[in-house]
């Protein structure tokens, strides 16, 4: 998540504290609207997991 926060701060030209608040709001918004199984994959990805691992986990939950 730190990488995402830094990227947002750099691209938008705001402080990392402001970027963290923005990222937290967007992630919370998405997680409220996604099924629980997908929401868990978002958490895993933001915790530093790889996108490939998140996709595998999602695929298995969808029966793919």
C-alpha atoms as a PDB file:
ATOM      1  CA  UNK A   1       0.000   0.000   0.000  1.00  0.00           C
ATOM      2  CA  UNK A   2       2.928   2.307   0.664  1.00  0.00           C
ATOM      3  CA  UNK A   3       3.937   2.087  -2.991  1.00  0.00           C
ATOM      4  CA  UNK A   4       0.437   3.114  -4.081  1.00  0.00           C
ATOM      5  CA  UNK A   5       0.349   6.004  -1.597  1.00  0.00           C
ATOM      6  CA  UNK A   6       3.722   7.268  -2.799  1.00  0.00           C
ATOM      7  CA  UNK A   7       2.640   6.977  -6.425  1.00  0.00           C
ATOM      8  CA  UNK A   8      -0.541   8.973  -5.776  1.00  0.00           C
ATOM      9  CA  UNK A   9       1.378  11.624  -3.828  1.00  0.00           C
ATOM     10  CA  UNK A  10       3.974  12.000  -6.590  1.00  0.00           C
ATOM     11  CA  UNK A  11       1.508  12.038  -9.485  1.00  0.00           C
ATOM     12  CA  UNK A  12      -0.972  14.419  -7.923  1.00  0.00           C
ATOM     13  CA  UNK A  13       1.521  16.593  -6.079  1.00  0.00           C
ATOM     14  CA  UNK A  14       0.115  16.154  -2.579  1.00  0.00           C
ATOM     15  CA  UNK A  15       1.653  15.028   0.701  1.00  0.00           C
ATOM     16  CA  UNK A  16       1.876  11.336   1.491  1.00  0.00           C
ATOM     17  CA  UNK A  17      -0.531  11.873   4.418  1.00  0.00           C
ATOM     18  CA  UNK A  18      -3.121  13.334   2.052  1.00  0.00           C
ATOM     19  CA  UNK A  19      -2.505  10.553  -0.462  1.00  0.00           C
ATOM     20  CA  UNK A  20      -2.938   7.887   2.246  1.00  0.00           C
ATOM     21  CA  UNK A  21      -6.308   9.369   3.197  1.00  0.00           C
ATOM     22  CA  UNK A  22      -7.392   9.394  -0.450  1.00  0.00           C
ATOM     23  CA  UNK A  23      -6.245   5.811  -1.033  1.00  0.00           C
ATOM     24  CA  UNK A  24      -7.978   4.638   2.155  1.00  0.00           C
ATOM     25  CA  UNK A  25     -11.228   6.247   1.008  1.00  0.00           C
ATOM     26  CA  UNK A  26     -11.066   4.695  -2.467  1.00  0.00           C
ATOM     27  CA  UNK A  27     -10.121   1.247  -1.142  1.00  0.00           C
ATOM     28  CA  UNK A  28     -12.946   1.405   1.414  1.00  0.00           C
ATOM     29  CA  UNK A  29     -15.393   2.428  -1.296  1.00  0.00           C
ATOM     30  CA  UNK A  30     -14.350  -0.459  -3.549  1.00  0.00           C
ATOM     31  CA  UNK A  31     -14.394  -3.041  -0.759  1.00  0.00           C
ATOM     32  CA  UNK A  32     -17.944  -2.060   0.224  1.00  0.00           C
ATOM     33  CA  UNK A  33     -19.130  -2.756  -3.293  1.00  0.00           C
ATOM     34  CA  UNK A  34     -17.158  -5.893  -4.102  1.00  0.00           C
ATOM     35  CA  UNK A  35     -18.073  -9.414  -3.010  1.00  0.00           C
ATOM     36  CA  UNK A  36     -16.240 -10.527   0.124  1.00  0.00           C
ATOM     37  CA  UNK A  37     -14.006 -12.948  -1.751  1.00  0.00           C
ATOM     38  CA  UNK A  38     -12.802 -10.210  -4.087  1.00  0.00           C
ATOM     39  CA  UNK A  39     -12.440  -7.765  -1.228  1.00  0.00           C
ATOM     40  CA  UNK A  40     -10.023 -10.183   0.440  1.00  0.00           C
ATOM     41  CA  UNK A  41      -7.937 -10.297  -2.729  1.00  0.00           C
ATOM     42  CA  UNK A  42      -7.743  -6.491  -2.707  1.00  0.00           C
ATOM     43  CA  UNK A  43      -6.463  -6.649   0.879  1.00  0.00           C
ATOM     44  CA  UNK A  44      -3.866  -9.232  -0.126  1.00  0.00           C
ATOM     45  CA  UNK A  45      -2.665  -7.165  -3.043  1.00  0.00           C
ATOM     46  CA  UNK A  46      -2.411  -3.999  -0.955  1.00  0.00           C
ATOM     47  CA  UNK A  47      -0.521  -5.876   1.744  1.00  0.00           C
ATOM     48  CA  UNK A  48       2.242  -6.541  -0.746  1.00  0.00           C
ATOM     49  CA  UNK A  49       1.047  -9.722  -2.407  1.00  0.00           C
ATOM     50  CA  UNK A  50       1.620 -10.107  -6.104  1.00  0.00           C
ATOM     51  CA  UNK A  51      -1.060  -9.425  -8.668  1.00  0.00           C
ATOM     52  CA  UNK A  52      -0.550 -12.958  -9.987  1.00  0.00           C
ATOM     53  CA  UNK A  53      -1.292 -14.453  -6.565  1.00  0.00           C
ATOM     54  CA  UNK A  54      -4.374 -12.244  -6.190  1.00  0.00           C
ATOM     55  CA  UNK A  55      -5.587 -13.337  -9.647  1.00  0.00           C
ATOM     56  CA  UNK A  56      -5.054 -17.011  -8.794  1.00  0.00           C
ATOM     57  CA  UNK A  57      -7.013 -16.626  -5.582  1.00  0.00           C
ATOM     58  CA  UNK A  58      -9.816 -14.839  -7.366  1.00  0.00           C
ATOM     59  CA  UNK A  59      -9.858 -17.413 -10.150  1.00  0.00           C
ATOM     60  CA  UNK A  60     -10.194 -20.262  -7.680  1.00  0.00           C
ATOM     61  CA  UNK A  61     -13.086 -18.509  -5.930  1.00  0.00           C
ATOM     62  CA  UNK A  62     -14.820 -18.073  -9.287  1.00  0.00           C
ATOM     63  CA  UNK A  63     -14.217 -21.701 -10.233  1.00  0.00           C
ATOM     64  CA  UNK A  64     -11.723 -20.913 -12.994  1.00  0.00           C
END
